């Protein structure tokens, strides 16, 4: 074990290697999920929800969760669950990369809040749109928790040597995520026949990309920190 100038414990050897593999999840998860909805969005032939049939899937007007129905259901829901697991592993790897082993309340809270996005994606994968309440809970965990989680995590990272600048930027992620979440609900306006029009699907995708981009950024930073440590 080694101690840096800030008196924080740094793992060595196999522990550092495990940390690198875990941190990779913060990058791999978002990449997998984005590839999933991009590819499946072109191959979906529609789906039936509550006796309403959507014969043409539109990534502009319809949510990503629509791909978790119909012929693409198995693939998209697997992507939801796999991405959630990778994000949770990635968050653990990121916090190991800080070298901070102090069991502070701020550190624990930040870790739990960041992991909630992964948990939310798992819930969305297990419960499709027909299970409205649990699916909505998963959606709010995935995209709603970062509204608070990013500023809290940013505050924590600002206390960690080498992470201060990232922490400052991450604190801005909360208001940005909130703005996109509000925009999604404002544009989500299904008609009486169950059809969806407008740009809600596009706005949701922008929100997902924004949230996932922060995880990719922290994953890349964690990988660099792990790589620079003595073995």
Protein backbone atom coordinates (compact mmCIF):
# COMPACT_ATOMS: atom_id res chain seq x y z
CA UNK A 1 0.00 0.00 0.00
CA UNK A 2 1.14 3.56 -0.68
CA UNK A 3 0.06 6.91 0.74
CA UNK A 4 -0.11 10.07 -1.39
CA UNK A 5 0.57 13.62 -0.24
CA UNK A 6 -3.03 14.06 0.89
CA UNK A 7 -2.74 11.02 3.19
CA UNK A 8 -5.20 8.99 1.15
CA UNK A 9 -4.76 5.25 0.85
CA UNK A 10 -4.00 4.04 -2.65
CA UNK A 11 -4.49 0.41 -3.67
CA UNK A 12 -1.65 -1.35 -5.42
CA UNK A 13 -1.13 -4.41 -7.57
CA UNK A 14 -4.19 -6.58 -8.12
CA UNK A 15 -6.48 -4.12 -6.37
CA UNK A 16 -5.56 -1.37 -8.83
CA UNK A 17 -6.09 -3.74 -11.75
CA UNK A 18 -9.55 -4.66 -10.48
CA UNK A 19 -10.32 -0.97 -10.07
CA UNK A 20 -9.42 -0.32 -13.72
CA UNK A 21 -11.72 -3.09 -14.91
CA UNK A 22 -14.59 -1.77 -12.81
CA UNK A 23 -14.07 1.83 -13.94
CA UNK A 24 -14.28 0.67 -17.55
CA UNK A 25 -17.98 -0.02 -16.92
CA UNK A 26 -18.67 3.72 -16.70
CA UNK A 27 -17.52 3.99 -20.32
CA UNK A 28 -18.71 0.66 -21.73
CA UNK A 29 -22.25 0.96 -20.31
CA UNK A 30 -23.19 4.21 -22.08
CA UNK A 31 -21.53 3.06 -25.32
CA UNK A 32 -23.51 -0.21 -25.25
CA UNK A 33 -26.79 1.55 -24.50
CA UNK A 34 -26.34 4.21 -27.18
CA UNK A 35 -25.44 1.59 -29.79
CA UNK A 36 -28.49 -0.39 -28.71
CA UNK A 37 -31.12 2.28 -29.19
CA UNK A 38 -29.47 3.57 -32.36
CA UNK A 39 -29.43 0.18 -34.08
CA UNK A 40 -32.78 -1.06 -32.77
CA UNK A 41 -34.43 2.24 -33.63
CA UNK A 42 -33.84 1.44 -37.30
CA UNK A 43 -34.98 -2.18 -37.05
CA UNK A 44 -38.11 -1.82 -34.89
CA UNK A 45 -41.35 -2.71 -36.67
CA UNK A 46 -43.53 -1.20 -33.96
CA UNK A 47 -45.29 -2.57 -30.90
CA UNK A 48 -48.62 -2.83 -29.12
CA UNK A 49 -49.21 -1.06 -25.82
CA UNK A 50 -52.53 -1.03 -23.95
CA UNK A 51 -54.49 -2.08 -27.07
CA UNK A 52 -52.85 0.63 -29.17
CA UNK A 53 -50.62 -0.52 -32.02
CA UNK A 54 -47.67 1.57 -33.12
CA UNK A 55 -46.83 0.35 -36.61
CA UNK A 56 -44.02 2.81 -37.21
CA UNK A 57 -41.42 3.52 -34.56
CA UNK A 58 -40.13 7.07 -34.54
CA UNK A 59 -37.02 7.94 -32.49
CA UNK A 60 -38.11 11.57 -32.65
CA UNK A 61 -41.52 11.17 -31.04
CA UNK A 62 -41.33 7.86 -29.17
CA UNK A 63 -39.24 7.02 -26.07
CA UNK A 64 -36.35 4.60 -25.94
CA UNK A 65 -38.48 2.31 -23.79
CA UNK A 66 -40.70 1.70 -26.81
CA UNK A 67 -37.87 -0.45 -28.13
CA UNK A 68 -38.37 -2.63 -25.06
CA UNK A 69 -41.65 -3.79 -26.61
CA UNK A 70 -42.40 -5.87 -29.69
CA UNK A 71 -39.75 -7.68 -31.74
CA UNK A 72 -36.86 -5.68 -30.28
CA UNK A 73 -37.91 -6.21 -26.64
CA UNK A 74 -35.38 -8.90 -25.75
CA UNK A 75 -32.44 -6.95 -27.13
CA UNK A 76 -33.37 -3.55 -25.70
CA UNK A 77 -34.31 -4.81 -22.26
CA UNK A 78 -31.07 -6.78 -22.10
CA UNK A 79 -29.23 -3.56 -22.99
CA UNK A 80 -31.06 -1.75 -20.18
CA UNK A 81 -30.04 -4.33 -17.58
CA UNK A 82 -26.47 -4.80 -18.87
CA UNK A 83 -25.92 -1.04 -18.98
CA UNK A 84 -27.23 -0.64 -15.45
CA UNK A 85 -24.87 -3.30 -14.12
CA UNK A 86 -21.93 -1.77 -15.97
CA UNK A 87 -22.71 1.70 -14.63
CA UNK A 88 -22.88 0.45 -11.04
CA UNK A 89 -19.56 -1.36 -11.47
CA UNK A 90 -18.15 1.76 -13.12
CA UNK A 91 -19.13 3.98 -10.20
CA UNK A 92 -17.40 1.61 -7.78
CA UNK A 93 -14.28 1.72 -9.97
CA UNK A 94 -14.40 5.51 -10.12
CA UNK A 95 -14.52 5.84 -6.35
CA UNK A 96 -11.66 3.39 -5.99
CA UNK A 97 -9.66 5.57 -8.37
CA UNK A 98 -9.92 8.55 -6.03
CA UNK A 99 -7.69 6.74 -3.54
CA UNK A 100 -9.96 8.03 -0.78
CA UNK A 101 -10.87 5.38 1.77
CA UNK A 102 -12.32 7.75 4.36
CA UNK A 103 -15.89 6.55 5.11
CA UNK A 104 -17.36 10.04 5.05
CA UNK A 105 -21.10 10.65 4.72
CA UNK A 106 -20.50 12.75 1.60
CA UNK A 107 -18.54 9.98 -0.11
CA UNK A 108 -21.17 7.34 0.69
CA UNK A 109 -24.02 9.59 -0.43
CA UNK A 110 -22.29 10.48 -3.69
CA UNK A 111 -21.59 6.83 -4.48
CA UNK A 112 -25.20 5.77 -3.82
CA UNK A 113 -26.68 8.63 -5.85
CA UNK A 114 -24.43 7.95 -8.84
CA UNK A 115 -25.17 4.21 -8.68
CA UNK A 116 -28.92 4.98 -8.68
CA UNK A 117 -28.82 5.71 -12.41
CA UNK A 118 -27.59 2.18 -13.07
CA UNK A 119 -30.24 0.77 -10.73
CA UNK A 120 -32.90 2.74 -12.58
CA UNK A 121 -31.83 1.32 -15.92
CA UNK A 122 -32.03 -2.20 -14.52
CA UNK A 123 -35.58 -1.54 -13.31
CA UNK A 124 -36.54 -0.21 -16.76
CA UNK A 125 -35.17 -3.37 -18.33
CA UNK A 126 -37.01 -5.69 -15.97
CA UNK A 127 -40.34 -3.81 -16.16
CA UNK A 128 -41.36 -2.63 -19.63
CA UNK A 129 -43.88 0.09 -20.50
CA UNK A 130 -46.83 -2.14 -19.66
CA UNK A 131 -45.74 -2.07 -16.00
CA UNK A 132 -46.25 1.67 -15.80
CA UNK A 133 -45.45 2.42 -12.16
CA UNK A 134 -42.22 0.39 -11.72
CA UNK A 135 -41.04 1.49 -15.17
CA UNK A 136 -41.62 5.13 -14.28
CA UNK A 137 -39.76 4.60 -11.01
CA UNK A 138 -36.83 3.22 -12.98
CA UNK A 139 -36.96 6.19 -15.34
CA UNK A 140 -36.92 8.68 -12.47
CA UNK A 141 -34.05 6.84 -10.79
CA UNK A 142 -32.06 6.83 -14.03
CA UNK A 143 -32.65 10.41 -15.18
CA UNK A 144 -34.09 12.12 -12.11
CA UNK A 145 -31.53 11.16 -9.47
CA UNK A 146 -28.65 12.91 -11.30
CA UNK A 147 -30.42 16.24 -10.73
CA UNK A 148 -29.29 15.90 -7.11
CA UNK A 149 -26.60 13.26 -7.52
CA UNK A 150 -24.34 15.21 -9.87
CA UNK A 151 -24.02 18.29 -7.60
CA UNK A 152 -23.48 16.09 -4.52
CA UNK A 153 -20.87 13.97 -6.32
CA UNK A 154 -19.29 17.14 -7.72
CA UNK A 155 -18.92 18.51 -4.23
CA UNK A 156 -17.23 15.29 -3.16
CA UNK A 157 -14.85 15.17 -6.14
CA UNK A 158 -13.81 18.75 -5.42
CA UNK A 159 -12.26 17.46 -2.17
CA UNK A 160 -10.15 14.86 -4.00
CA UNK A 161 -6.71 15.77 -5.40
CA UNK A 162 -6.73 15.59 -9.18
CA UNK A 163 -10.54 15.57 -9.37
CA UNK A 164 -11.34 19.15 -8.35
CA UNK A 165 -11.85 20.54 -11.86
CA UNK A 166 -14.07 17.64 -12.87
CA UNK A 167 -16.06 18.05 -9.65
CA UNK A 168 -16.68 21.71 -10.46
CA UNK A 169 -18.01 20.86 -13.92
CA UNK A 170 -20.09 17.95 -12.60
CA UNK A 171 -21.97 20.28 -10.27
CA UNK A 172 -23.36 21.97 -13.39
CA UNK A 173 -24.74 18.64 -14.54
CA UNK A 174 -27.60 18.80 -12.04
CA UNK A 175 -29.29 21.93 -13.44
CA UNK A 176 -28.66 20.79 -17.02
CA UNK A 177 -30.24 17.39 -16.37
CA UNK A 178 -33.21 19.07 -14.68
CA UNK A 179 -33.75 21.34 -17.69
CA UNK A 180 -33.75 18.37 -20.08
CA UNK A 181 -36.05 16.38 -17.80
CA UNK A 182 -38.54 19.24 -17.67
CA UNK A 183 -38.30 19.61 -21.45
CA UNK A 184 -39.09 15.91 -21.87
CA UNK A 185 -42.23 16.04 -19.75
CA UNK A 186 -43.29 19.26 -21.45
CA UNK A 187 -43.03 17.68 -24.91
CA UNK A 188 -44.45 14.27 -23.98
CA UNK A 189 -48.03 14.70 -25.18
CA UNK A 190 -49.72 11.46 -26.27
CA UNK A 191 -53.06 11.92 -28.02
CA UNK A 192 -56.33 10.31 -27.04
CA UNK A 193 -55.74 7.35 -29.36
CA UNK A 194 -52.43 6.59 -27.64
CA UNK A 195 -50.26 7.88 -30.45
CA UNK A 196 -47.25 10.01 -29.67
CA UNK A 197 -46.33 13.09 -31.62
CA UNK A 198 -43.83 15.90 -31.29
CA UNK A 199 -40.20 15.64 -30.23
CA UNK A 200 -40.38 13.93 -26.82
CA UNK A 201 -38.32 10.98 -28.04
CA UNK A 202 -35.58 13.25 -29.28
CA UNK A 203 -35.53 15.28 -26.07
CA UNK A 204 -35.34 12.10 -24.00
CA UNK A 205 -32.39 10.87 -26.04
CA UNK A 206 -30.60 14.17 -25.49
CA UNK A 207 -31.18 13.75 -21.75
CA UNK A 208 -29.86 10.18 -21.76
CA UNK A 209 -26.80 11.21 -23.78
CA UNK A 210 -26.11 14.10 -21.39
CA UNK A 211 -26.34 11.93 -18.27
CA UNK A 212 -24.28 9.13 -19.78
CA UNK A 213 -21.65 11.60 -20.98
CA UNK A 214 -20.85 12.51 -17.38
CA UNK A 215 -20.34 8.83 -16.52
CA UNK A 216 -18.06 8.38 -19.52
CA UNK A 217 -16.06 11.44 -18.47
CA UNK A 218 -15.61 10.22 -14.90
CA UNK A 219 -14.80 6.73 -16.18
CA UNK A 220 -12.07 8.05 -18.49
CA UNK A 221 -10.61 10.15 -15.68
CA UNK A 222 -10.67 7.15 -13.34
CA UNK A 223 -8.91 4.97 -15.92
CA UNK A 224 -6.18 7.59 -16.27
CA UNK A 225 -5.77 7.79 -12.50
CA UNK A 226 -5.56 4.01 -12.20
CA UNK A 227 -3.04 3.84 -15.04
CA UNK A 228 -0.78 6.47 -13.51
CA UNK A 229 -0.44 4.66 -10.19
CA UNK A 230 2.64 2.66 -9.30
CA UNK A 231 2.11 -1.08 -9.44
